[in-house]
């Protein structure tokens, strides 16, 4: 899964990200382990939506590090 962000988005903004909605974005392949890596999305991510894509494999254990995550679909 490759996530491209506009140049204007700072890495500091990702640390405060609360909702990441990738529903129906045409994503394919496995969910990368880096998605849950400490600092990648910060501790504030509450909702991760990646439904209606062609993701494969299992969810990486690193998603367990997202301590504020309450919704995963």
N, C-alpha and C. Protein backbone atom coordinates (compact mmCIF):
# COMPACT_ATOMS: atom_id res chain seq x y z
N UNK A 1 0.85 -1.16 0.00
CA UNK A 1 0.00 0.00 0.00
C UNK A 1 0.90 1.23 0.00
N UNK A 2 0.75 2.05 -0.97
CA UNK A 2 1.52 3.28 -1.08
C UNK A 2 0.58 4.44 -0.86
N UNK A 3 0.93 5.30 0.08
CA UNK A 3 0.11 6.45 0.39
C UNK A 3 0.88 7.70 -0.02
N UNK A 4 0.36 8.42 -0.98
CA UNK A 4 0.99 9.64 -1.44
C UNK A 4 0.29 10.83 -0.82
N UNK A 5 1.07 11.74 -0.31
CA UNK A 5 0.51 12.92 0.34
C UNK A 5 0.96 14.17 -0.42
N UNK A 6 0.12 15.18 -0.47
CA UNK A 6 0.53 16.43 -1.11
C UNK A 6 1.74 17.01 -0.40
N UNK A 7 2.53 17.76 -1.13
CA UNK A 7 3.74 18.35 -0.56
C UNK A 7 3.45 19.23 0.65
N UNK A 8 2.28 19.81 0.72
CA UNK A 8 1.95 20.73 1.81
C UNK A 8 1.71 20.02 3.14
N UNK A 9 1.53 18.71 3.12
CA UNK A 9 1.28 17.97 4.36
C UNK A 9 2.61 17.71 5.06
N UNK A 10 2.70 18.15 6.31
CA UNK A 10 3.94 17.94 7.05
C UNK A 10 3.88 16.63 7.81
N UNK A 11 5.01 16.11 8.17
CA UNK A 11 5.06 14.88 8.96
C UNK A 11 4.46 15.11 10.34
N UNK A 12 4.53 16.33 10.84
CA UNK A 12 3.92 16.65 12.13
C UNK A 12 2.41 16.46 12.07
N UNK A 13 1.80 16.75 10.94
CA UNK A 13 0.36 16.59 10.79
C UNK A 13 -0.02 15.11 10.89
N UNK A 14 0.81 14.22 10.39
CA UNK A 14 0.52 12.79 10.49
C UNK A 14 0.53 12.32 11.93
N UNK A 15 1.33 12.92 12.77
CA UNK A 15 1.39 12.54 14.17
C UNK A 15 0.08 12.85 14.88
N UNK A 16 -0.70 13.78 14.34
CA UNK A 16 -1.98 14.15 14.96
C UNK A 16 -3.17 13.58 14.21
N UNK A 17 -2.90 12.78 13.18
CA UNK A 17 -3.97 12.21 12.37
C UNK A 17 -4.88 11.32 13.22
N UNK A 18 -6.19 11.54 13.13
CA UNK A 18 -7.13 10.75 13.91
C UNK A 18 -7.93 9.77 13.07
N UNK A 19 -8.20 10.10 11.82
CA UNK A 19 -8.97 9.22 10.94
C UNK A 19 -8.25 9.10 9.60
N UNK A 20 -8.00 7.87 9.17
CA UNK A 20 -7.42 7.61 7.86
C UNK A 20 -8.41 6.75 7.10
N UNK A 21 -9.06 7.33 6.10
CA UNK A 21 -10.08 6.64 5.32
C UNK A 21 -9.55 6.37 3.93
N UNK A 22 -9.24 5.11 3.65
CA UNK A 22 -8.73 4.68 2.36
C UNK A 22 -9.75 3.79 1.65
N UNK A 23 -11.01 3.93 2.02
CA UNK A 23 -12.10 3.11 1.49
C UNK A 23 -12.19 3.27 -0.03
N UNK A 24 -12.11 2.14 -0.74
CA UNK A 24 -12.29 2.12 -2.19
C UNK A 24 -11.24 2.87 -2.98
N UNK A 25 -10.02 2.89 -2.50
CA UNK A 25 -8.95 3.63 -3.18
C UNK A 25 -8.18 2.79 -4.20
N UNK A 26 -8.60 1.54 -4.42
CA UNK A 26 -7.91 0.69 -5.38
C UNK A 26 -6.58 0.14 -4.88
N UNK A 27 -6.42 0.04 -3.57
CA UNK A 27 -5.18 -0.48 -2.99
C UNK A 27 -5.09 -1.99 -3.21
N UNK A 28 -3.89 -2.48 -3.47
CA UNK A 28 -3.67 -3.91 -3.68
C UNK A 28 -2.45 -4.36 -2.88
N UNK A 29 -2.38 -5.67 -2.64
CA UNK A 29 -1.22 -6.24 -1.96
C UNK A 29 -1.38 -6.26 -0.46
N UNK A 30 -0.30 -6.60 0.25
CA UNK A 30 -0.38 -6.73 1.70
C UNK A 30 -0.38 -5.37 2.40
N UNK A 31 -0.92 -5.35 3.60
CA UNK A 31 -0.85 -4.15 4.44
C UNK A 31 0.58 -4.07 4.96
N UNK A 32 1.29 -2.97 4.73
CA UNK A 32 2.69 -2.91 5.14
C UNK A 32 2.85 -2.84 6.65
N UNK A 33 3.86 -3.50 7.15
CA UNK A 33 4.16 -3.50 8.59
C UNK A 33 4.44 -2.09 9.08
N UNK A 34 4.99 -1.24 8.24
CA UNK A 34 5.35 0.12 8.63
C UNK A 34 4.13 0.96 9.00
N UNK A 35 2.94 0.54 8.58
CA UNK A 35 1.74 1.31 8.89
C UNK A 35 1.54 1.46 10.40
N UNK A 36 1.90 0.45 11.15
CA UNK A 36 1.75 0.51 12.60
C UNK A 36 3.05 0.81 13.33
N UNK A 37 4.09 1.11 12.57
CA UNK A 37 5.38 1.39 13.20
C UNK A 37 5.28 2.61 14.11
N UNK A 38 5.96 2.57 15.21
CA UNK A 38 5.92 3.67 16.18
C UNK A 38 6.33 4.97 15.49
N UNK A 39 5.47 5.95 15.59
CA UNK A 39 5.76 7.26 15.01
C UNK A 39 5.26 7.44 13.60
N UNK A 40 4.94 6.34 12.89
CA UNK A 40 4.50 6.47 11.50
C UNK A 40 3.19 7.24 11.41
N UNK A 41 2.24 6.92 12.24
CA UNK A 41 0.95 7.62 12.24
C UNK A 41 0.65 8.26 13.58
N UNK A 42 1.55 8.18 14.49
CA UNK A 42 1.33 8.81 15.79
C UNK A 42 0.43 7.99 16.69
N UNK A 43 0.23 8.48 17.87
CA UNK A 43 -0.57 7.77 18.86
C UNK A 43 -2.03 8.19 18.82
N UNK A 44 -2.38 9.12 17.94
CA UNK A 44 -3.74 9.66 17.96
C UNK A 44 -4.69 9.00 16.96
N UNK A 45 -4.20 8.09 16.10
CA UNK A 45 -5.07 7.47 15.10
C UNK A 45 -6.14 6.64 15.77
N UNK A 46 -7.41 7.02 15.55
CA UNK A 46 -8.54 6.33 16.17
C UNK A 46 -9.26 5.42 15.18
N UNK A 47 -9.22 5.77 13.90
CA UNK A 47 -10.02 5.04 12.91
C UNK A 47 -9.21 4.82 11.64
N UNK A 48 -9.12 3.57 11.21
CA UNK A 48 -8.44 3.20 9.98
C UNK A 48 -9.42 2.40 9.13
N UNK A 49 -9.81 2.96 8.00
CA UNK A 49 -10.77 2.32 7.11
C UNK A 49 -10.07 2.03 5.78
N UNK A 50 -10.03 0.76 5.41
CA UNK A 50 -9.40 0.36 4.15
C UNK A 50 -10.28 -0.66 3.42
N UNK A 51 -11.58 -0.59 3.65
CA UNK A 51 -12.53 -1.52 3.03
C UNK A 51 -12.61 -1.26 1.53
N UNK A 52 -13.16 -2.25 0.82
CA UNK A 52 -13.40 -2.15 -0.62
C UNK A 52 -12.12 -1.91 -1.42
N UNK A 53 -11.06 -2.60 -1.02
CA UNK A 53 -9.79 -2.61 -1.74
C UNK A 53 -9.43 -4.08 -1.98
N UNK A 54 -8.30 -4.33 -2.60
CA UNK A 54 -7.87 -5.70 -2.86
C UNK A 54 -6.63 -6.03 -2.03
N UNK A 55 -6.72 -5.77 -0.73
CA UNK A 55 -5.60 -6.05 0.17
C UNK A 55 -5.52 -7.55 0.43
N UNK A 56 -4.30 -8.05 0.60
CA UNK A 56 -4.09 -9.49 0.78
C UNK A 56 -3.29 -9.74 2.05
N UNK A 57 -3.27 -11.00 2.47
CA UNK A 57 -2.46 -11.40 3.61
C UNK A 57 -3.12 -11.10 4.93
N UNK A 58 -2.31 -11.16 5.97
CA UNK A 58 -2.80 -10.92 7.32
C UNK A 58 -2.47 -9.50 7.76
N UNK A 59 -3.15 -9.05 8.80
CA UNK A 59 -2.83 -7.74 9.35
C UNK A 59 -1.52 -7.83 10.11
N UNK A 60 -0.64 -6.87 9.93
CA UNK A 60 0.64 -6.93 10.65
C UNK A 60 0.45 -6.69 12.15
N UNK A 61 1.25 -7.37 12.94
CA UNK A 61 1.18 -7.22 14.39
C UNK A 61 1.47 -5.79 14.82
N UNK A 62 2.20 -5.05 14.01
CA UNK A 62 2.54 -3.67 14.36
C UNK A 62 1.30 -2.79 14.53
N UNK A 63 0.16 -3.18 13.96
CA UNK A 63 -1.06 -2.39 14.15
C UNK A 63 -1.46 -2.37 15.62
N UNK A 64 -1.01 -3.35 16.38
CA UNK A 64 -1.28 -3.38 17.81
C UNK A 64 -0.62 -2.25 18.56
N UNK A 65 0.35 -1.59 17.94
CA UNK A 65 1.03 -0.45 18.57
C UNK A 65 0.21 0.83 18.50
N UNK A 66 -0.84 0.82 17.69
CA UNK A 66 -1.69 2.00 17.56
C UNK A 66 -2.67 1.99 18.71
N UNK A 67 -2.24 2.48 19.84
CA UNK A 67 -2.97 2.33 21.11
C UNK A 67 -4.32 3.05 21.13
N UNK A 68 -4.50 4.05 20.30
CA UNK A 68 -5.79 4.78 20.28
C UNK A 68 -6.76 4.24 19.24
N UNK A 69 -6.32 3.25 18.46
CA UNK A 69 -7.17 2.72 17.39
C UNK A 69 -8.40 2.00 17.96
N UNK A 70 -9.59 2.47 17.58
CA UNK A 70 -10.82 1.85 18.05
C UNK A 70 -11.62 1.26 16.91
N UNK A 71 -11.36 1.71 15.68
CA UNK A 71 -12.11 1.20 14.52
C UNK A 71 -11.13 0.79 13.43
N UNK A 72 -11.27 -0.44 12.98
CA UNK A 72 -10.45 -0.98 11.90
C UNK A 72 -11.40 -1.71 10.96
N UNK A 73 -11.51 -1.21 9.75
CA UNK A 73 -12.38 -1.90 8.78
C UNK A 73 -11.78 -1.83 7.39
